[in-house]
């Protein structure tokens, strides 16, 4: 899966296999504390791609409202 865009951020949903198949995400943005390399990785694995996409959109909304 390639990069997608939501608002001002690009993100990528990735299929992973860690004990079981699941999905996680990475958000690509400007380098800033606490994400000095500009990449924010999900803290969780999701059962479906849709769950991961919903989570990354909520995370981006949180970032844009001043949260982490």
C-alpha atoms as a PDB file:
ATOM      1  CA  UNK A   1       0.000   0.000   0.000  1.00  0.00           C
ATOM      2  CA  UNK A   2       1.284   3.430  -0.881  1.00  0.00           C
ATOM      3  CA  UNK A   3       1.092   6.714   0.928  1.00  0.00           C
ATOM      4  CA  UNK A   4      -2.274   8.398   1.241  1.00  0.00           C
ATOM      5  CA  UNK A   5      -3.133  11.941   2.296  1.00  0.00           C
ATOM      6  CA  UNK A   6      -5.525  13.327   4.883  1.00  0.00           C
ATOM      7  CA  UNK A   7      -5.560  17.058   5.574  1.00  0.00           C
ATOM      8  CA  UNK A   8      -1.922  18.230   5.626  1.00  0.00           C
ATOM      9  CA  UNK A   9      -0.416  14.849   6.498  1.00  0.00           C
ATOM     10  CA  UNK A  10       0.569  11.833   4.466  1.00  0.00           C
ATOM     11  CA  UNK A  11       0.175   8.397   5.990  1.00  0.00           C
ATOM     12  CA  UNK A  12       0.666   4.764   5.101  1.00  0.00           C
ATOM     13  CA  UNK A  13      -1.338   1.755   6.263  1.00  0.00           C
ATOM     14  CA  UNK A  14       0.841  -1.356   6.534  1.00  0.00           C
ATOM     15  CA  UNK A  15      -0.054  -5.025   6.823  1.00  0.00           C
ATOM     16  CA  UNK A  16       2.005  -6.673   9.563  1.00  0.00           C
ATOM     17  CA  UNK A  17       2.284 -10.147  10.984  1.00  0.00           C
ATOM     18  CA  UNK A  18       3.162 -10.149  14.689  1.00  0.00           C
ATOM     19  CA  UNK A  19       1.821 -13.367  16.204  1.00  0.00           C
ATOM     20  CA  UNK A  20      -1.222 -12.765  13.986  1.00  0.00           C
ATOM     21  CA  UNK A  21      -1.979 -10.702  10.909  1.00  0.00           C
ATOM     22  CA  UNK A  22      -2.913  -7.078  11.528  1.00  0.00           C
ATOM     23  CA  UNK A  23      -2.405  -3.511  10.402  1.00  0.00           C
ATOM     24  CA  UNK A  24      -0.622  -0.466  11.713  1.00  0.00           C
ATOM     25  CA  UNK A  25       0.169   2.983  10.328  1.00  0.00           C
ATOM     26  CA  UNK A  26       2.837   5.631   9.937  1.00  0.00           C
ATOM     27  CA  UNK A  27       2.192   9.359   9.667  1.00  0.00           C
ATOM     28  CA  UNK A  28       4.740  11.430   7.751  1.00  0.00           C
ATOM     29  CA  UNK A  29       5.062  15.074   8.750  1.00  0.00           C
ATOM     30  CA  UNK A  30       7.480  17.817   9.592  1.00  0.00           C
ATOM     31  CA  UNK A  31      10.122  16.824  12.115  1.00  0.00           C
ATOM     32  CA  UNK A  32       9.214  18.211  15.503  1.00  0.00           C
ATOM     33  CA  UNK A  33       9.263  17.129  19.135  1.00  0.00           C
ATOM     34  CA  UNK A  34       8.442  14.427  20.201  1.00  0.00           C
ATOM     35  CA  UNK A  35       8.737  12.943  16.709  1.00  0.00           C
ATOM     36  CA  UNK A  36      12.169  14.216  15.710  1.00  0.00           C
ATOM     37  CA  UNK A  37      12.419  12.155  12.522  1.00  0.00           C
ATOM     38  CA  UNK A  38       9.020  13.357  11.270  1.00  0.00           C
ATOM     39  CA  UNK A  39       7.528   9.847  11.349  1.00  0.00           C
ATOM     40  CA  UNK A  40       4.823   8.924  13.836  1.00  0.00           C
ATOM     41  CA  UNK A  41       4.136   5.203  14.183  1.00  0.00           C
ATOM     42  CA  UNK A  42       0.958   3.706  15.600  1.00  0.00           C
ATOM     43  CA  UNK A  43       1.144   2.259  19.080  1.00  0.00           C
ATOM     44  CA  UNK A  44      -1.341  -0.501  18.284  1.00  0.00           C
ATOM     45  CA  UNK A  45      -2.094  -3.177  15.730  1.00  0.00           C
ATOM     46  CA  UNK A  46      -5.557  -3.293  14.206  1.00  0.00           C
ATOM     47  CA  UNK A  47      -7.508  -6.286  12.945  1.00  0.00           C
ATOM     48  CA  UNK A  48      -8.599  -4.614   9.712  1.00  0.00           C
ATOM     49  CA  UNK A  49      -7.276  -2.013   7.330  1.00  0.00           C
ATOM     50  CA  UNK A  50     -10.422   0.072   7.955  1.00  0.00           C
ATOM     51  CA  UNK A  51      -9.777   0.141  11.712  1.00  0.00           C
ATOM     52  CA  UNK A  52      -6.207   1.324  11.071  1.00  0.00           C
ATOM     53  CA  UNK A  53      -7.430   4.004   8.620  1.00  0.00           C
ATOM     54  CA  UNK A  54     -10.040   5.264  11.111  1.00  0.00           C
ATOM     55  CA  UNK A  55      -7.370   5.384  13.842  1.00  0.00           C
ATOM     56  CA  UNK A  56      -4.846   7.283  11.718  1.00  0.00           C
ATOM     57  CA  UNK A  57      -7.471   9.885  10.783  1.00  0.00           C
ATOM     58  CA  UNK A  58      -8.344  10.376  14.464  1.00  0.00           C
ATOM     59  CA  UNK A  59      -4.615  10.657  15.273  1.00  0.00           C
ATOM     60  CA  UNK A  60      -4.114  13.314  12.570  1.00  0.00           C
ATOM     61  CA  UNK A  61      -7.141  15.246  13.856  1.00  0.00           C
ATOM     62  CA  UNK A  62      -5.601  15.131  17.335  1.00  0.00           C
ATOM     63  CA  UNK A  63      -2.245  16.403  16.018  1.00  0.00           C
ATOM     64  CA  UNK A  64      -3.937  19.275  14.231  1.00  0.00           C
ATOM     65  CA  UNK A  65      -5.810  20.287  17.377  1.00  0.00           C
ATOM     66  CA  UNK A  66      -2.543  20.521  19.327  1.00  0.00           C
ATOM     67  CA  UNK A  67      -2.383  17.026  20.833  1.00  0.00           C
ATOM     68  CA  UNK A  68       0.216  14.339  20.398  1.00  0.00           C
END
